[in-house]
Amino acid sequence: MSKRAVPPPKPEHVRGGRARSVAELLPDAGRAAFRRFGFVQSAVVTRWAEIVGPRYAGVSAPESIRFPPGKRAEGTLNLVVRGAHGTMMQHIAPEIIDRVNRFFGYAAIARVQMRQGDVPAPRVRAAPPSLKPIPADLGESLRTIADPELKAVLEALAAGVAATSGPPRIAPLTGHYDE
């Protein structure tokens, strides 16, 4: 009687790679979720008010973008539109197509489909208030910046630079370790 050869046991899969922070993983999770629902770029959802303007963003919201098989152009943008605003949105559909394509940088959208539904109110992010006045010599160039978030960050940086005097000082470490 012949015995069968028993194959050697497979080694356990060893997890490898480096540890990754949650912040590093979240864009991938968000990207996968948006792709599942038809969005190749989540910025279309998050920046909808910038793309179409606050008037139209208040009555519409993007649901998905569907492309023909194997293409990333000539897609269909699906919008949910609040109540009776559908007629107005159909009227300005060519302008919406133009603005979305300008946002993408190529002819990504060829048509718009709309359905009536509830549209959540767009969240408006206010720039954080500036606590310290900015010196005139540092703040003059900031007046021409249109983006309120970028302007607030640069104002905070300018205020931090103005508040310092001389080179940065590093305090000695005070710990319980013996040297």
Protein backbone atom coordinates (compact mmCIF):
# COMPACT_ATOMS: atom_id res chain seq x y z
CA MET A 1 0.00 0.00 0.00
CA SER A 2 1.40 3.35 -1.02
CA LYS A 3 1.27 6.37 1.21
CA ARG A 4 0.56 9.76 -0.19
CA ALA A 5 3.12 12.45 0.43
CA VAL A 6 1.76 15.07 2.76
CA PRO A 7 2.57 18.57 1.54
CA PRO A 8 4.47 20.73 4.01
CA PRO A 9 2.27 23.21 5.89
CA LYS A 10 2.02 26.65 4.33
CA PRO A 11 3.76 29.36 6.30
CA GLU A 12 1.44 31.84 7.96
CA HIS A 13 1.02 35.06 6.10
CA VAL A 14 3.23 37.63 7.76
CA ARG A 15 1.85 41.12 7.72
CA GLY A 16 4.37 43.54 6.46
CA GLY A 17 4.76 47.12 5.59
CA ARG A 18 4.96 50.19 7.66
CA ALA A 19 2.40 51.52 10.05
CA ARG A 20 0.20 54.13 8.43
CA SER A 21 -1.67 56.94 10.12
CA VAL A 22 -5.44 57.18 9.97
CA ALA A 23 -5.18 60.47 8.07
CA GLU A 24 -3.15 58.69 5.41
CA LEU A 25 -5.77 55.95 5.08
CA LEU A 26 -8.90 58.13 5.01
CA PRO A 27 -8.42 59.61 1.54
CA ASP A 28 -8.30 56.07 0.15
CA ALA A 29 -11.47 55.08 2.00
CA GLY A 30 -13.24 58.22 0.88
CA ARG A 31 -12.04 57.80 -2.69
CA ALA A 32 -13.33 54.21 -2.77
CA ALA A 33 -16.72 55.29 -1.44
CA PHE A 34 -17.03 58.13 -3.94
CA ARG A 35 -15.99 55.88 -6.84
CA ARG A 36 -18.59 53.34 -5.78
CA PHE A 37 -21.25 56.01 -6.12
CA GLY A 38 -19.88 57.36 -9.39
CA PHE A 39 -17.56 60.14 -8.32
CA VAL A 40 -14.04 60.10 -9.66
CA GLN A 41 -13.18 63.20 -7.74
CA SER A 42 -14.74 63.93 -4.36
CA ALA A 43 -13.96 67.61 -4.75
CA VAL A 44 -17.02 67.95 -7.02
CA VAL A 45 -19.19 67.25 -3.97
CA THR A 46 -17.21 69.25 -1.44
CA ARG A 47 -16.70 72.25 -3.73
CA TRP A 48 -20.11 72.25 -5.44
CA ALA A 49 -20.91 75.79 -4.23
CA GLU A 50 -17.66 77.05 -5.76
CA ILE A 51 -18.33 75.29 -9.05
CA VAL A 52 -21.91 76.45 -9.68
CA GLY A 53 -22.19 79.38 -7.29
CA PRO A 54 -24.09 79.73 -4.02
CA ARG A 55 -27.45 80.41 -5.70
CA TYR A 56 -27.55 77.12 -7.58
CA ALA A 57 -25.75 75.13 -4.87
CA GLY A 58 -28.57 76.02 -2.48
CA VAL A 59 -31.13 74.21 -4.64
CA SER A 60 -29.05 71.39 -6.12
CA ALA A 61 -26.49 68.78 -5.14
CA PRO A 62 -24.45 66.35 -7.25
CA GLU A 63 -25.30 62.66 -6.82
CA SER A 64 -23.01 60.92 -9.25
CA ILE A 65 -21.09 61.13 -12.49
CA ARG A 66 -21.48 58.21 -14.88
CA PHE A 67 -19.06 57.74 -17.73
CA PRO A 68 -19.48 55.52 -20.78
CA PRO A 69 -17.70 52.16 -20.36
CA GLY A 70 -13.94 52.53 -20.70
CA LYS A 71 -14.03 56.34 -20.89
CA ARG A 72 -13.40 59.21 -18.53
CA ALA A 73 -15.07 61.82 -20.72
CA GLU A 74 -18.55 62.61 -22.07
CA GLY A 75 -20.15 61.57 -18.79
CA THR A 76 -23.54 62.27 -17.29
CA LEU A 77 -23.79 64.35 -14.13
CA ASN A 78 -26.75 63.31 -11.98
CA LEU A 79 -28.14 66.08 -9.80
CA VAL A 80 -30.82 66.16 -7.13
CA VAL A 81 -32.80 69.41 -7.38
CA ARG A 82 -35.15 70.91 -4.81
CA GLY A 83 -38.82 71.10 -5.81
CA ALA A 84 -39.82 73.61 -8.43
CA HIS A 85 -36.24 74.68 -9.17
CA GLY A 86 -35.93 71.86 -11.71
CA THR A 87 -37.11 74.03 -14.60
CA MET A 88 -34.56 76.73 -13.79
CA MET A 89 -31.79 74.12 -13.47
CA GLN A 90 -32.73 72.58 -16.84
CA HIS A 91 -32.49 76.04 -18.36
CA ILE A 92 -28.95 76.57 -17.07
CA ALA A 93 -27.75 72.98 -17.69
CA PRO A 94 -25.31 74.09 -20.44
CA GLU A 95 -23.73 76.55 -18.00
CA ILE A 96 -23.45 73.82 -15.34
CA ILE A 97 -21.76 71.53 -17.88
CA ASP A 98 -19.34 74.31 -18.79
CA ARG A 99 -18.47 75.06 -15.15
CA VAL A 100 -17.96 71.41 -14.20
CA ASN A 101 -15.79 70.82 -17.28
CA ARG A 102 -13.77 73.91 -16.41
CA PHE A 103 -13.32 72.50 -12.91
CA PHE A 104 -12.08 69.16 -14.29
CA GLY A 105 -9.95 70.82 -16.96
CA TYR A 106 -11.36 68.72 -19.80
CA ALA A 107 -14.73 67.75 -21.32
CA ALA A 108 -15.70 65.32 -18.57
CA ILE A 109 -19.44 66.05 -18.66
CA ALA A 110 -21.62 65.97 -21.77
CA ARG A 111 -25.10 66.02 -20.20
CA VAL A 112 -26.94 66.58 -16.95
CA GLN A 113 -29.76 64.46 -15.54
CA MET A 114 -31.91 65.82 -12.75
CA ARG A 115 -34.33 64.39 -10.26
CA GLN A 116 -36.39 66.16 -7.66
CA GLY A 117 -35.53 65.58 -4.04
CA ASP A 118 -34.47 67.13 -0.77
CA VAL A 119 -31.23 69.08 -0.94
CA PRO A 120 -29.38 69.70 2.34
CA ALA A 121 -28.42 73.29 2.98
CA PRO A 122 -24.80 73.91 1.93
CA ARG A 123 -22.40 74.38 4.82
CA VAL A 124 -20.59 77.66 4.73
CA ARG A 125 -17.20 77.58 6.37
CA ALA A 126 -16.29 80.93 7.85
CA ALA A 127 -12.68 81.94 8.13
CA PRO A 128 -11.42 82.02 11.72
CA PRO A 129 -11.31 85.52 13.17
CA SER A 130 -7.96 87.20 13.35
CA LEU A 131 -7.09 87.85 16.99
CA LYS A 132 -4.16 90.21 16.50
CA PRO A 133 -3.92 93.06 14.03
CA ILE A 134 -1.52 92.45 11.21
CA PRO A 135 1.31 94.90 10.78
CA ALA A 136 0.78 97.08 7.72
CA ASP A 137 4.05 95.98 6.11
CA LEU A 138 3.08 92.29 6.34
CA GLY A 139 -0.64 92.62 5.63
CA GLU A 140 -0.62 94.78 2.51
CA SER A 141 0.10 91.87 0.17
CA LEU A 142 -2.65 89.77 1.82
CA ARG A 143 -5.43 92.13 0.76
CA THR A 144 -5.39 90.80 -2.81
CA ILE A 145 -5.98 87.15 -1.81
CA ALA A 146 -9.56 86.14 -2.61
CA ASP A 147 -9.72 82.74 -0.88
CA PRO A 148 -10.83 83.41 2.73
CA GLU A 149 -9.27 80.23 4.16
CA LEU A 150 -5.89 80.85 2.56
CA LYS A 151 -6.03 84.49 3.60
CA ALA A 152 -6.79 83.53 7.23
CA VAL A 153 -3.91 81.04 7.34
CA LEU A 154 -1.47 83.54 5.85
CA GLU A 155 -2.68 86.24 8.26
CA ALA A 156 -2.07 83.89 11.18
CA LEU A 157 1.40 83.11 9.85
CA ALA A 158 2.16 86.82 9.39
CA ALA A 159 0.92 87.58 12.91
CA GLY A 160 3.13 84.79 14.29
CA VAL A 161 6.16 86.13 12.47
CA ALA A 162 5.42 89.66 13.68
CA ALA A 163 5.07 88.48 17.30
CA THR A 164 8.57 86.99 17.41
CA SER A 165 11.73 88.91 18.07
CA GLY A 166 15.12 87.62 17.11
CA PRO A 167 16.05 84.07 16.26
CA PRO A 168 14.00 81.21 17.70
CA ARG A 169 15.13 79.95 21.10
CA ILE A 170 14.94 76.30 22.02
CA ALA A 171 14.44 75.62 25.69
CA PRO A 172 16.62 72.92 27.23
CA LEU A 173 14.96 69.61 27.90
CA THR A 174 14.03 69.14 31.50
CA GLY A 175 13.46 65.52 32.28
CA HIS A 176 14.32 62.88 34.78
CA TYR A 177 16.92 61.21 32.58
CA ASP A 178 20.54 61.26 33.67
CA GLU A 179 23.04 62.39 31.13
